[in-house]
Amino acid sequence: MSKNQVIENTIEFVKRSLGGAEGGHDWFHIHRVFCNAQLITKGEDVDLFIVSLGALLHDISDAKFYDGDESIGPKKARAFLESQEVSEKDIVHIENIIKYISFKSSLEGGKKFTSPELEVIQDADRLDAIGAIGIARCFNYGGFKNRALYDPSIPPNLNMTKEEYKKSTAPTINHFYEKLLLLKDQMNTVTGKRIAQERHAYMEGFLAQFYDEWNGIK
């Protein structure tokens, strides 16, 4: 089976698997990350096959929708990739991308997996978490979890452990300070850093407007 055919089959598999998914983690999120990754690869020396499959499968079973179980995504990806006769080496690489791509992985200590392909996909995924799309996704998920928009009496927790992050029920605005505004300085690639600067500035403008309106100034 050709690599192009595997990618096409993966696209169809992901579309089927994420039918009815929460709006911030649906097929359209995957497609945006896939497109972001393709853009970023133009300036990087990476395996395009791995980047494509990793981007498509990175949220195939996001742990936050499976009671925090982080093993389901890699297992599901492996089963599918084995059915496509992808090499064991490539499958292990993609499993590791799924395991280590998330922001919450940066909150725990210990040795972590890294590769140029992971760095590209991580940037692509983080770009979709900031800017206008990031704001929309943030509030969509907050609504999905029935969280308050903002509560001035609950300050952001800037020193969360991975487990605290996973269990947080804080107001949606807090998430900007606990994650979204931190991503600009965690980008890996030149292209990722450039785009992140623009999207970060957009979020800062949004927050300034939000507080003005909250306080009845505008």
N, C-alpha and C. Protein backbone atom coordinates (compact mmCIF):
# COMPACT_ATOMS: atom_id res chain seq x y z
N MET A 1 0.84 -1.19 0.00
CA MET A 1 0.00 0.00 0.00
C MET A 1 0.88 1.25 0.00
N SER A 2 0.58 2.21 -0.86
CA SER A 2 1.39 3.42 -0.94
C SER A 2 1.16 4.30 0.29
N LYS A 3 2.14 5.17 0.56
CA LYS A 3 2.01 6.08 1.70
C LYS A 3 0.83 7.04 1.50
N ASN A 4 0.63 7.49 0.29
CA ASN A 4 -0.51 8.38 0.03
C ASN A 4 -1.84 7.70 0.32
N GLN A 5 -1.92 6.40 0.00
CA GLN A 5 -3.15 5.67 0.26
C GLN A 5 -3.37 5.50 1.76
N VAL A 6 -2.29 5.26 2.49
CA VAL A 6 -2.38 5.14 3.95
C VAL A 6 -2.90 6.45 4.55
N ILE A 7 -2.39 7.56 4.06
CA ILE A 7 -2.84 8.86 4.57
C ILE A 7 -4.32 9.08 4.25
N GLU A 8 -4.73 8.75 3.04
CA GLU A 8 -6.14 8.89 2.68
C GLU A 8 -7.03 8.00 3.56
N ASN A 9 -6.57 6.77 3.81
CA ASN A 9 -7.33 5.86 4.67
C ASN A 9 -7.40 6.39 6.10
N THR A 10 -6.32 7.01 6.53
CA THR A 10 -6.28 7.57 7.89
C THR A 10 -7.25 8.72 8.01
N ILE A 11 -7.33 9.56 7.00
CA ILE A 11 -8.29 10.67 7.01
C ILE A 11 -9.71 10.15 7.18
N GLU A 12 -10.07 9.13 6.41
CA GLU A 12 -11.41 8.56 6.50
C GLU A 12 -11.65 7.91 7.85
N PHE A 13 -10.64 7.24 8.40
CA PHE A 13 -10.74 6.61 9.71
C PHE A 13 -10.98 7.65 10.80
N VAL A 14 -10.25 8.75 10.74
CA VAL A 14 -10.39 9.79 11.76
C VAL A 14 -11.75 10.48 11.64
N LYS A 15 -12.19 10.75 10.43
CA LYS A 15 -13.51 11.36 10.25
C LYS A 15 -14.60 10.49 10.88
N ARG A 16 -14.52 9.18 10.64
CA ARG A 16 -15.52 8.25 11.21
C ARG A 16 -15.42 8.22 12.73
N SER A 17 -14.20 8.16 13.23
CA SER A 17 -13.98 8.01 14.67
C SER A 17 -14.43 9.22 15.46
N LEU A 18 -14.32 10.41 14.87
CA LEU A 18 -14.64 11.63 15.59
C LEU A 18 -16.02 12.20 15.25
N GLY A 19 -16.83 11.40 14.61
CA GLY A 19 -18.20 11.83 14.33
C GLY A 19 -18.92 12.12 15.65
N GLY A 20 -19.48 13.31 15.79
CA GLY A 20 -20.19 13.67 17.02
C GLY A 20 -19.29 14.14 18.15
N ALA A 21 -18.00 14.34 17.88
CA ALA A 21 -17.06 14.79 18.92
C ALA A 21 -17.34 16.22 19.34
N GLU A 22 -16.90 16.59 20.54
CA GLU A 22 -16.99 17.97 21.02
C GLU A 22 -16.33 18.90 20.01
N GLY A 23 -16.93 20.09 19.80
CA GLY A 23 -16.57 20.95 18.69
C GLY A 23 -15.12 21.41 18.65
N GLY A 24 -14.44 21.44 19.79
CA GLY A 24 -13.04 21.86 19.79
C GLY A 24 -12.06 20.74 19.53
N HIS A 25 -12.58 19.51 19.49
CA HIS A 25 -11.71 18.34 19.30
C HIS A 25 -12.28 17.40 18.25
N ASP A 26 -12.93 17.98 17.26
CA ASP A 26 -13.57 17.20 16.20
C ASP A 26 -12.67 17.08 14.97
N TRP A 27 -13.24 16.60 13.87
CA TRP A 27 -12.47 16.45 12.64
C TRP A 27 -11.91 17.78 12.16
N PHE A 28 -12.65 18.85 12.33
CA PHE A 28 -12.17 20.14 11.83
C PHE A 28 -10.93 20.60 12.60
N HIS A 29 -10.87 20.28 13.89
CA HIS A 29 -9.64 20.55 14.65
C HIS A 29 -8.48 19.76 14.06
N ILE A 30 -8.71 18.48 13.81
CA ILE A 30 -7.66 17.63 13.23
C ILE A 30 -7.21 18.19 11.88
N HIS A 31 -8.16 18.59 11.07
CA HIS A 31 -7.82 19.11 9.75
C HIS A 31 -6.99 20.38 9.84
N ARG A 32 -7.34 21.26 10.78
CA ARG A 32 -6.55 22.48 10.95
C ARG A 32 -5.13 22.16 11.40
N VAL A 33 -4.99 21.23 12.34
CA VAL A 33 -3.65 20.84 12.81
C VAL A 33 -2.87 20.21 11.66
N PHE A 34 -3.53 19.39 10.87
CA PHE A 34 -2.89 18.76 9.71
C PHE A 34 -2.38 19.83 8.74
N CYS A 35 -3.20 20.83 8.46
CA CYS A 35 -2.79 21.91 7.55
C CYS A 35 -1.68 22.76 8.16
N ASN A 36 -1.79 23.07 9.45
CA ASN A 36 -0.72 23.81 10.14
C ASN A 36 0.60 23.06 10.04
N ALA A 37 0.53 21.75 10.26
CA ALA A 37 1.75 20.93 10.22
C ALA A 37 2.37 20.93 8.84
N GLN A 38 1.54 20.85 7.80
CA GLN A 38 2.06 20.88 6.43
C GLN A 38 2.78 22.20 6.16
N LEU A 39 2.22 23.29 6.68
CA LEU A 39 2.84 24.60 6.51
C LEU A 39 4.19 24.67 7.23
N ILE A 40 4.22 24.19 8.46
CA ILE A 40 5.44 24.27 9.26
C ILE A 40 6.55 23.39 8.68
N THR A 41 6.20 22.25 8.09
CA THR A 41 7.22 21.34 7.57
C THR A 41 8.06 21.96 6.46
N LYS A 42 7.54 23.00 5.82
CA LYS A 42 8.28 23.62 4.72
C LYS A 42 9.61 24.19 5.18
N GLY A 43 9.74 24.48 6.46
CA GLY A 43 10.98 25.02 6.98
C GLY A 43 11.75 24.03 7.84
N GLU A 44 11.32 22.75 7.84
CA GLU A 44 11.93 21.76 8.73
C GLU A 44 12.35 20.50 7.97
N ASP A 45 13.38 19.84 8.49
CA ASP A 45 13.85 18.58 7.92
C ASP A 45 13.19 17.44 8.68
N VAL A 46 12.04 16.99 8.17
CA VAL A 46 11.26 15.97 8.86
C VAL A 46 10.72 14.93 7.88
N ASP A 47 10.24 13.83 8.44
CA ASP A 47 9.59 12.78 7.67
C ASP A 47 8.13 13.18 7.48
N LEU A 48 7.76 13.53 6.27
CA LEU A 48 6.41 14.03 6.01
C LEU A 48 5.33 12.98 6.26
N PHE A 49 5.67 11.71 6.07
CA PHE A 49 4.71 10.62 6.32
C PHE A 49 4.38 10.56 7.81
N ILE A 50 5.40 10.63 8.65
CA ILE A 50 5.20 10.61 10.09
C ILE A 50 4.42 11.85 10.55
N VAL A 51 4.79 13.00 10.01
CA VAL A 51 4.09 14.24 10.38
C VAL A 51 2.61 14.14 10.01
N SER A 52 2.33 13.64 8.82
CA SER A 52 0.94 13.54 8.37
C SER A 52 0.13 12.60 9.26
N LEU A 53 0.66 11.42 9.52
CA LEU A 53 -0.07 10.44 10.34
C LEU A 53 -0.17 10.90 11.79
N GLY A 54 0.91 11.48 12.30
CA GLY A 54 0.89 11.96 13.67
C GLY A 54 -0.12 13.07 13.88
N ALA A 55 -0.19 14.00 12.92
CA ALA A 55 -1.15 15.10 13.01
C ALA A 55 -2.59 14.57 12.93
N LEU A 56 -2.81 13.62 12.06
CA LEU A 56 -4.16 13.08 11.88
C LEU A 56 -4.63 12.27 13.08
N LEU A 57 -3.70 11.60 13.76
CA LEU A 57 -4.07 10.69 14.84
C LEU A 57 -3.81 11.23 16.23
N HIS A 58 -3.31 12.46 16.35
CA HIS A 58 -2.86 12.93 17.66
C HIS A 58 -3.99 13.04 18.68
N ASP A 59 -5.23 13.24 18.23
CA ASP A 59 -6.37 13.35 19.15
C ASP A 59 -7.42 12.29 18.86
N ILE A 60 -6.98 11.12 18.41
CA ILE A 60 -7.95 10.10 18.00
C ILE A 60 -8.82 9.65 19.17
N SER A 61 -8.27 9.70 20.38
CA SER A 61 -9.06 9.41 21.59
C SER A 61 -8.48 10.26 22.72
N ASP A 62 -8.80 11.55 22.70
CA ASP A 62 -8.26 12.47 23.70
C ASP A 62 -8.64 12.01 25.10
N ALA A 63 -7.62 11.91 25.98
CA ALA A 63 -7.83 11.37 27.33
C ALA A 63 -8.88 12.12 28.12
N LYS A 64 -9.05 13.42 27.87
CA LYS A 64 -10.01 14.20 28.65
C LYS A 64 -11.44 13.73 28.45
N PHE A 65 -11.69 12.99 27.36
CA PHE A 65 -13.02 12.47 27.11
C PHE A 65 -13.14 10.99 27.48
N TYR A 66 -12.07 10.45 28.09
CA TYR A 66 -12.04 9.04 28.48
C TYR A 66 -11.57 8.90 29.93
N ASP A 67 -12.12 9.76 30.80
CA ASP A 67 -11.79 9.73 32.23
C ASP A 67 -10.30 9.81 32.48
N GLY A 68 -9.58 10.55 31.62
CA GLY A 68 -8.16 10.75 31.82
C GLY A 68 -7.27 9.60 31.39
N ASP A 69 -7.84 8.57 30.78
CA ASP A 69 -7.05 7.41 30.36
C ASP A 69 -6.22 7.76 29.13
N GLU A 70 -4.91 7.88 29.32
CA GLU A 70 -4.02 8.30 28.24
C GLU A 70 -3.51 7.15 27.37
N SER A 71 -3.96 5.93 27.67
CA SER A 71 -3.50 4.77 26.91
C SER A 71 -4.38 4.46 25.71
N ILE A 72 -5.61 4.99 25.72
CA ILE A 72 -6.56 4.62 24.67
C ILE A 72 -6.14 5.14 23.30
N GLY A 73 -5.71 6.41 23.23
CA GLY A 73 -5.31 6.99 21.95
C GLY A 73 -4.20 6.22 21.25
N PRO A 74 -3.07 5.98 21.93
CA PRO A 74 -1.99 5.22 21.31
C PRO A 74 -2.42 3.81 20.89
N LYS A 75 -3.24 3.16 21.70
CA LYS A 75 -3.70 1.80 21.36
C LYS A 75 -4.57 1.81 20.11
N LYS A 76 -5.47 2.78 20.05
CA LYS A 76 -6.37 2.86 18.90
C LYS A 76 -5.59 3.17 17.63
N ALA A 77 -4.61 4.08 17.76
CA ALA A 77 -3.78 4.42 16.60
C ALA A 77 -2.98 3.21 16.14
N ARG A 78 -2.40 2.48 17.10
CA ARG A 78 -1.61 1.29 16.74
C ARG A 78 -2.45 0.27 15.99
N ALA A 79 -3.63 -0.02 16.50
CA ALA A 79 -4.48 -1.02 15.86
C ALA A 79 -4.80 -0.62 14.42
N PHE A 80 -5.10 0.66 14.22
CA PHE A 80 -5.39 1.11 12.86
C PHE A 80 -4.16 1.04 11.98
N LEU A 81 -3.03 1.52 12.45
CA LEU A 81 -1.81 1.55 11.63
C LEU A 81 -1.32 0.14 11.30
N GLU A 82 -1.53 -0.79 12.21
CA GLU A 82 -1.18 -2.18 11.90
C GLU A 82 -2.05 -2.71 10.76
N SER A 83 -3.31 -2.30 10.75
CA SER A 83 -4.22 -2.73 9.67
C SER A 83 -3.80 -2.14 8.33
N GLN A 84 -3.02 -1.05 8.37
CA GLN A 84 -2.55 -0.40 7.15
C GLN A 84 -1.13 -0.84 6.79
N GLU A 85 -0.62 -1.80 7.54
CA GLU A 85 0.72 -2.38 7.30
C GLU A 85 1.83 -1.33 7.40
N VAL A 86 1.65 -0.36 8.31
CA VAL A 86 2.70 0.62 8.60
C VAL A 86 3.78 -0.08 9.40
N SER A 87 5.04 0.27 9.18
CA SER A 87 6.15 -0.40 9.85
C SER A 87 6.09 -0.20 11.37
N GLU A 88 6.63 -1.17 12.10
CA GLU A 88 6.64 -1.10 13.56
C GLU A 88 7.39 0.15 14.04
N LYS A 89 8.47 0.47 13.39
CA LYS A 89 9.25 1.65 13.76
C LYS A 89 8.39 2.92 13.67
N ASP A 90 7.65 3.04 12.58
CA ASP A 90 6.81 4.23 12.40
C ASP A 90 5.64 4.24 13.39
N ILE A 91 5.09 3.06 13.67
CA ILE A 91 3.98 2.99 14.63
C ILE A 91 4.44 3.44 16.01
N VAL A 92 5.60 2.97 16.45
CA VAL A 92 6.12 3.37 17.77
C VAL A 92 6.34 4.88 17.81
N HIS A 93 6.87 5.44 16.71
CA HIS A 93 7.10 6.88 16.64
C HIS A 93 5.78 7.63 16.80
N ILE A 94 4.76 7.21 16.11
CA ILE A 94 3.46 7.88 16.17
C ILE A 94 2.81 7.70 17.54
N GLU A 95 2.95 6.52 18.12
CA GLU A 95 2.45 6.31 19.49
C GLU A 95 3.08 7.33 20.45
N ASN A 96 4.37 7.53 20.32
CA ASN A 96 5.07 8.47 21.20
C ASN A 96 4.64 9.91 20.96
N ILE A 97 4.36 10.24 19.70
CA ILE A 97 3.85 11.58 19.40
C ILE A 97 2.53 11.79 20.13
N ILE A 98 1.64 10.81 20.07
CA ILE A 98 0.34 10.92 20.74
C ILE A 98 0.52 11.03 22.26
N LYS A 99 1.46 10.28 22.80
CA LYS A 99 1.68 10.26 24.26
C LYS A 99 2.24 11.58 24.78
N TYR A 100 3.09 12.23 23.98
CA TYR A 100 3.85 13.36 24.50
C TYR A 100 3.50 14.71 23.89
N ILE A 101 2.50 14.78 23.03
CA ILE A 101 2.20 16.04 22.35
C ILE A 101 1.53 17.06 23.26
N SER A 102 0.78 16.61 24.24
CA SER A 102 -0.10 17.52 24.99
C SER A 102 0.64 18.46 25.92
N PHE A 103 0.01 19.59 26.19
CA PHE A 103 0.55 20.58 27.12
C PHE A 103 0.74 19.98 28.50
N LYS A 104 -0.20 19.14 28.94
CA LYS A 104 -0.12 18.59 30.29
C LYS A 104 1.12 17.72 30.48
N SER A 105 1.65 17.17 29.38
CA SER A 105 2.87 16.37 29.50
C SER A 105 4.06 17.21 29.94
N SER A 106 3.99 18.52 29.66
CA SER A 106 5.08 19.41 30.05
C SER A 106 5.04 19.73 31.54
N LEU A 107 3.94 19.33 32.21
CA LEU A 107 3.78 19.63 33.63
C LEU A 107 4.34 18.54 34.53
N GLU A 108 4.80 17.45 33.94
CA GLU A 108 5.37 16.38 34.74
C GLU A 108 6.86 16.25 34.48
N GLY A 109 7.58 15.76 35.47
CA GLY A 109 9.02 15.60 35.32
C GLY A 109 9.37 14.30 34.61
N GLY A 110 10.65 13.99 34.60
CA GLY A 110 11.10 12.74 33.99
C GLY A 110 11.48 12.90 32.53
N LYS A 111 12.09 11.88 32.00
CA LYS A 111 12.55 11.89 30.62
C LYS A 111 11.38 11.87 29.66
N LYS A 112 11.45 12.68 28.63
CA LYS A 112 10.37 12.75 27.66
C LYS A 112 10.88 12.41 26.26
N PHE A 113 9.98 11.86 25.46
CA PHE A 113 10.29 11.58 24.06
C PHE A 113 10.30 12.87 23.27
N THR A 114 11.20 12.98 22.31
CA THR A 114 11.17 14.13 21.42
C THR A 114 11.66 13.71 20.03
N SER A 115 11.22 14.40 19.03
CA SER A 115 11.67 14.19 17.66
C SER A 115 11.30 15.43 16.87
N PRO A 116 11.96 15.68 15.74
CA PRO A 116 11.58 16.84 14.91
C PRO A 116 10.13 16.78 14.46
N GLU A 117 9.63 15.56 14.22
CA GLU A 117 8.24 15.40 13.78
C GLU A 117 7.27 15.77 14.91
N LEU A 118 7.59 15.33 16.13
CA LEU A 118 6.76 15.72 17.28
C LEU A 118 6.75 17.23 17.45
N GLU A 119 7.90 17.86 17.30
CA GLU A 119 7.99 19.31 17.48
C GLU A 119 7.11 20.06 16.47
N VAL A 120 7.09 19.58 15.24
CA VAL A 120 6.24 20.20 14.20
C VAL A 120 4.77 20.05 14.56
N ILE A 121 4.36 18.82 14.90
CA ILE A 121 2.94 18.56 15.19
C ILE A 121 2.53 19.28 16.48
N GLN A 122 3.41 19.31 17.45
CA GLN A 122 3.12 20.02 18.70
C GLN A 122 2.86 21.50 18.43
N ASP A 123 3.71 22.11 17.61
CA ASP A 123 3.49 23.51 17.23
C ASP A 123 2.16 23.68 16.50
N ALA A 124 1.88 22.78 15.57
CA ALA A 124 0.64 22.85 14.80
C ALA A 124 -0.58 22.76 15.71
N ASP A 125 -0.51 21.87 16.69
CA ASP A 125 -1.61 21.68 17.64
C ASP A 125 -1.75 22.90 18.55
N ARG A 126 -0.63 23.44 19.00
CA ARG A 126 -0.66 24.59 19.90
C ARG A 126 -1.14 25.85 19.19
N LEU A 127 -0.84 25.97 17.91
CA LEU A 127 -1.36 27.12 17.16
C LEU A 127 -2.88 27.09 17.12
N ASP A 128 -3.46 25.90 17.11
CA ASP A 128 -4.92 25.80 17.07
C ASP A 128 -5.54 26.06 18.44
N ALA A 129 -4.70 26.20 19.47
CA ALA A 129 -5.18 26.48 20.82
C ALA A 129 -5.12 27.96 21.16
N ILE A 130 -4.57 28.78 20.24
CA ILE A 130 -4.44 30.21 20.51
C ILE A 130 -5.04 31.02 19.36
N GLY A 131 -5.08 32.35 19.52
CA GLY A 131 -5.69 33.18 18.50
C GLY A 131 -7.21 33.08 18.54
N ALA A 132 -7.86 33.48 17.47
CA ALA A 132 -9.33 33.48 17.40
C ALA A 132 -9.90 32.08 17.56
N ILE A 133 -9.30 31.11 16.86
CA ILE A 133 -9.76 29.72 16.97
C ILE A 133 -9.56 29.22 18.39
N GLY A 134 -8.42 29.54 18.98
CA GLY A 134 -8.15 29.11 20.35
C GLY A 134 -9.17 29.65 21.33
N ILE A 135 -9.54 30.91 21.17
CA ILE A 135 -10.56 31.51 22.04
C ILE A 135 -11.89 30.78 21.87
N ALA A 136 -12.27 30.53 20.63
CA ALA A 136 -13.54 29.84 20.36
C ALA A 136 -13.53 28.44 20.96
N ARG A 137 -12.43 27.72 20.79
CA ARG A 137 -12.33 26.36 21.33
C ARG A 137 -12.36 26.37 22.85
N CYS A 138 -11.70 27.35 23.44
CA CYS A 138 -11.63 27.44 24.89
C CYS A 138 -13.02 27.60 25.50
N PHE A 139 -13.80 28.52 24.95
CA PHE A 139 -15.14 28.74 25.49
C PHE A 139 -16.10 27.62 25.11
N ASN A 140 -15.88 27.00 23.97
CA ASN A 140 -16.72 25.86 23.59
C ASN A 140 -16.54 24.72 24.59
N TYR A 141 -15.30 24.44 24.95
CA TYR A 141 -15.03 23.36 25.90
C TYR A 141 -15.53 23.73 27.30
N GLY A 142 -15.36 25.01 27.68
CA GLY A 142 -15.87 25.46 28.97
C GLY A 142 -17.38 25.27 29.06
N GLY A 143 -18.08 25.58 27.96
CA GLY A 143 -19.52 25.35 27.92
C GLY A 143 -19.87 23.88 27.97
N PHE A 144 -19.08 23.08 27.26
CA PHE A 144 -19.27 21.62 27.25
C PHE A 144 -19.17 21.06 28.67
N LYS A 145 -18.28 21.64 29.49
CA LYS A 145 -18.07 21.19 30.87
C LYS A 145 -18.89 22.01 31.87
N ASN A 146 -19.74 22.91 31.37
CA ASN A 146 -20.59 23.75 32.21
C ASN A 146 -19.79 24.56 33.22
N ARG A 147 -18.68 25.15 32.78
CA ARG A 147 -17.84 25.95 33.64
C ARG A 147 -18.24 27.43 33.57
N ALA A 148 -17.97 28.14 34.65
CA ALA A 148 -18.21 29.58 34.66
C ALA A 148 -17.32 30.27 33.64
N LEU A 149 -17.81 31.38 33.07
CA LEU A 149 -16.97 32.15 32.16
C LEU A 149 -15.77 32.73 32.91
N TYR A 150 -16.08 33.36 34.05
CA TYR A 150 -15.06 34.08 34.81
C TYR A 150 -15.58 34.27 36.23
N ASP A 151 -14.67 34.15 37.18
CA ASP A 151 -15.01 34.42 38.58
C ASP A 151 -13.80 35.10 39.21
N PRO A 152 -13.90 36.42 39.45
CA PRO A 152 -12.76 37.16 39.98
C PRO A 152 -12.25 36.62 41.31
N SER A 153 -13.07 35.85 42.03
CA SER A 153 -12.65 35.32 43.32
C SER A 153 -11.81 34.04 43.19
N ILE A 154 -11.71 33.51 41.97
CA ILE A 154 -10.92 32.28 41.75
C ILE A 154 -9.74 32.62 40.85
N PRO A 155 -8.56 32.84 41.43
CA PRO A 155 -7.40 33.21 40.62
C PRO A 155 -6.85 32.02 39.85
N PRO A 156 -6.16 32.27 38.73
CA PRO A 156 -5.51 31.18 38.00
C PRO A 156 -4.46 30.49 38.87
N ASN A 157 -4.31 29.20 38.67
CA ASN A 157 -3.28 28.41 39.36
C ASN A 157 -2.11 28.24 38.41
N LEU A 158 -1.04 28.96 38.64
CA LEU A 158 0.09 28.96 37.72
C LEU A 158 1.15 27.93 38.05
N ASN A 159 0.88 27.10 39.05
CA ASN A 159 1.86 26.08 39.45
C ASN A 159 1.22 24.71 39.58
N MET A 160 0.34 24.39 38.66
CA MET A 160 -0.36 23.11 38.71
C MET A 160 0.53 21.93 38.35
N THR A 161 0.28 20.81 39.01
CA THR A 161 0.86 19.55 38.59
C THR A 161 0.03 19.03 37.43
N LYS A 162 0.51 17.98 36.79
CA LYS A 162 -0.25 17.38 35.70
C LYS A 162 -1.62 16.90 36.18
N GLU A 163 -1.67 16.27 37.33
CA GLU A 163 -2.94 15.75 37.83
C GLU A 163 -3.89 16.88 38.20
N GLU A 164 -3.38 17.95 38.78
CA GLU A 164 -4.22 19.11 39.10
C GLU A 164 -4.79 19.72 37.83
N TYR A 165 -3.97 19.79 36.79
CA TYR A 165 -4.41 20.34 35.51
C TYR A 165 -5.55 19.49 34.93
N LYS A 166 -5.39 18.18 34.98
CA LYS A 166 -6.38 17.28 34.41
C LYS A 166 -7.72 17.37 35.16
N LYS A 167 -7.67 17.66 36.46
CA LYS A 167 -8.88 17.66 37.29
C LYS A 167 -9.47 19.05 37.48
N SER A 168 -8.85 20.06 36.91
CA SER A 168 -9.29 21.43 37.13
C SER A 168 -10.71 21.67 36.64
N THR A 169 -11.48 22.43 37.45
CA THR A 169 -12.83 22.84 37.06
C THR A 169 -12.94 24.37 37.09
N ALA A 170 -11.81 25.04 36.97
CA ALA A 170 -11.74 26.49 37.09
C ALA A 170 -12.50 27.19 35.96
N PRO A 171 -12.88 28.46 36.17
CA PRO A 171 -13.55 29.22 35.11
C PRO A 171 -12.73 29.27 33.83
N THR A 172 -13.41 29.43 32.71
CA THR A 172 -12.75 29.38 31.41
C THR A 172 -11.66 30.44 31.26
N ILE A 173 -11.87 31.64 31.74
CA ILE A 173 -10.85 32.69 31.60
C ILE A 173 -9.53 32.26 32.25
N ASN A 174 -9.59 31.51 33.32
CA ASN A 174 -8.36 31.06 33.98
C ASN A 174 -7.48 30.24 33.04
N HIS A 175 -8.10 29.53 32.11
CA HIS A 175 -7.35 28.67 31.20
C HIS A 175 -6.41 29.46 30.31
N PHE A 176 -6.75 30.72 30.06
CA PHE A 176 -5.84 31.56 29.28
C PHE A 176 -4.50 31.70 29.99
N TYR A 177 -4.54 31.89 31.30
CA TYR A 177 -3.32 32.11 32.07
C TYR A 177 -2.62 30.81 32.43
N GLU A 178 -3.41 29.75 32.56
CA GLU A 178 -2.85 28.46 32.95
C GLU A 178 -2.27 27.69 31.77
N LYS A 179 -2.65 28.08 30.55
CA LYS A 179 -2.14 27.39 29.36
C LYS A 179 -1.94 28.31 28.15
N LEU A 180 -3.03 28.91 27.66
CA LEU A 180 -3.00 29.53 26.34
C LEU A 180 -1.95 30.62 26.19
N LEU A 181 -1.82 31.48 27.19
CA LEU A 181 -0.85 32.58 27.11
C LEU A 181 0.59 32.10 27.31
N LEU A 182 0.75 30.85 27.71
CA LEU A 182 2.09 30.29 27.92
C LEU A 182 2.65 29.65 26.65
N LEU A 183 1.78 29.36 25.70
CA LEU A 183 2.18 28.57 24.53
C LEU A 183 3.14 29.30 23.60
N LYS A 184 3.02 30.61 23.51
CA LYS A 184 3.90 31.38 22.61
C LYS A 184 5.37 31.09 22.89
N ASP A 185 5.72 30.98 24.15
CA ASP A 185 7.11 30.78 24.53
C ASP A 185 7.51 29.31 24.58
N GLN A 186 6.59 28.43 24.19
CA GLN A 186 6.89 27.00 24.17
C GLN A 186 6.93 26.43 22.75
N MET A 187 6.85 27.30 21.76
CA MET A 187 6.89 26.83 20.37
C MET A 187 8.29 26.34 20.02
N ASN A 188 8.34 25.37 19.11
CA ASN A 188 9.60 24.71 18.77
C ASN A 188 10.25 25.23 17.49
N THR A 189 9.44 25.62 16.51
CA THR A 189 9.94 25.91 15.17
C THR A 189 9.87 27.41 14.86
N VAL A 190 10.65 27.82 13.89
CA VAL A 190 10.67 29.23 13.48
C VAL A 190 9.29 29.67 13.00
N THR A 191 8.66 28.84 12.16
CA THR A 191 7.34 29.18 11.64
C THR A 191 6.31 29.21 12.76
N GLY A 192 6.38 28.23 13.64
CA GLY A 192 5.45 28.19 14.76
C GLY A 192 5.57 29.41 15.65
N LYS A 193 6.79 29.82 15.93
CA LYS A 193 7.02 31.00 16.78
C LYS A 193 6.47 32.26 16.13
N ARG A 194 6.66 32.39 14.82
CA ARG A 194 6.20 33.59 14.11
C ARG A 194 4.68 33.69 14.16
N ILE A 195 3.99 32.61 13.85
CA ILE A 195 2.53 32.64 13.84
C ILE A 195 1.99 32.82 15.26
N ALA A 196 2.66 32.19 16.23
CA ALA A 196 2.20 32.27 17.61
C ALA A 196 2.24 33.70 18.14
N GLN A 197 3.22 34.48 17.72
CA GLN A 197 3.31 35.87 18.16
C GLN A 197 2.04 36.63 17.78
N GLU A 198 1.58 36.44 16.56
CA GLU A 198 0.39 37.14 16.08
C GLU A 198 -0.86 36.69 16.85
N ARG A 199 -0.99 35.41 17.05
CA ARG A 199 -2.18 34.88 17.71
C ARG A 199 -2.18 35.23 19.20
N HIS A 200 -1.00 35.26 19.80
CA HIS A 200 -0.88 35.65 21.20
C HIS A 200 -1.36 37.10 21.39
N ALA A 201 -0.94 37.98 20.51
CA ALA A 201 -1.34 39.39 20.59
C ALA A 201 -2.86 39.52 20.46
N TYR A 202 -3.46 38.70 19.61
CA TYR A 202 -4.92 38.74 19.44
C TYR A 202 -5.61 38.36 20.75
N MET A 203 -5.09 37.34 21.43
CA MET A 203 -5.69 36.93 22.71
C MET A 203 -5.55 38.02 23.77
N GLU A 204 -4.42 38.69 23.80
CA GLU A 204 -4.23 39.77 24.76
C GLU A 204 -5.25 40.88 24.53
N GLY A 205 -5.51 41.20 23.26
CA GLY A 205 -6.52 42.21 22.94
C GLY A 205 -7.91 41.77 23.36
N PHE A 206 -8.20 40.49 23.14
CA PHE A 206 -9.50 39.96 23.55
C PHE A 206 -9.68 40.07 25.06
N LEU A 207 -8.67 39.69 25.82
CA LEU A 207 -8.78 39.73 27.28
C LEU A 207 -8.97 41.15 27.79
N ALA A 208 -8.26 42.10 27.20
CA ALA A 208 -8.42 43.50 27.60
C ALA A 208 -9.86 43.95 27.36
N GLN A 209 -10.41 43.61 26.21
CA GLN A 209 -11.80 43.96 25.90
C GLN A 209 -12.76 43.24 26.84
N PHE A 210 -12.49 41.98 27.13
CA PHE A 210 -13.34 41.19 28.02
C PHE A 210 -13.46 41.85 29.38
N TYR A 211 -12.31 42.22 29.98
CA TYR A 211 -12.34 42.82 31.31
C TYR A 211 -13.02 44.18 31.30
N ASP A 212 -12.82 44.96 30.24
CA ASP A 212 -13.50 46.26 30.13
C ASP A 212 -15.01 46.06 30.13
N GLU A 213 -15.47 45.10 29.36
CA GLU A 213 -16.90 44.86 29.27
C GLU A 213 -17.43 44.25 30.57
N TRP A 214 -16.65 43.37 31.19
CA TRP A 214 -17.06 42.75 32.45
C TRP A 214 -17.29 43.82 33.52
N ASN A 215 -16.40 44.80 33.52
CA ASN A 215 -16.46 45.86 34.52
C ASN A 215 -17.33 47.04 34.10
N GLY A 216 -18.00 46.92 32.95
CA GLY A 216 -18.93 47.93 32.52
C GLY A 216 -18.31 49.20 31.99
N ILE A 217 -17.05 49.07 31.49
CA ILE A 217 -16.35 50.26 30.97
C ILE A 217 -16.73 50.53 29.53
N LYS A 218 -16.91 49.46 28.74
CA LYS A 218 -17.23 49.64 27.33
C LYS A 218 -18.55 48.96 27.01
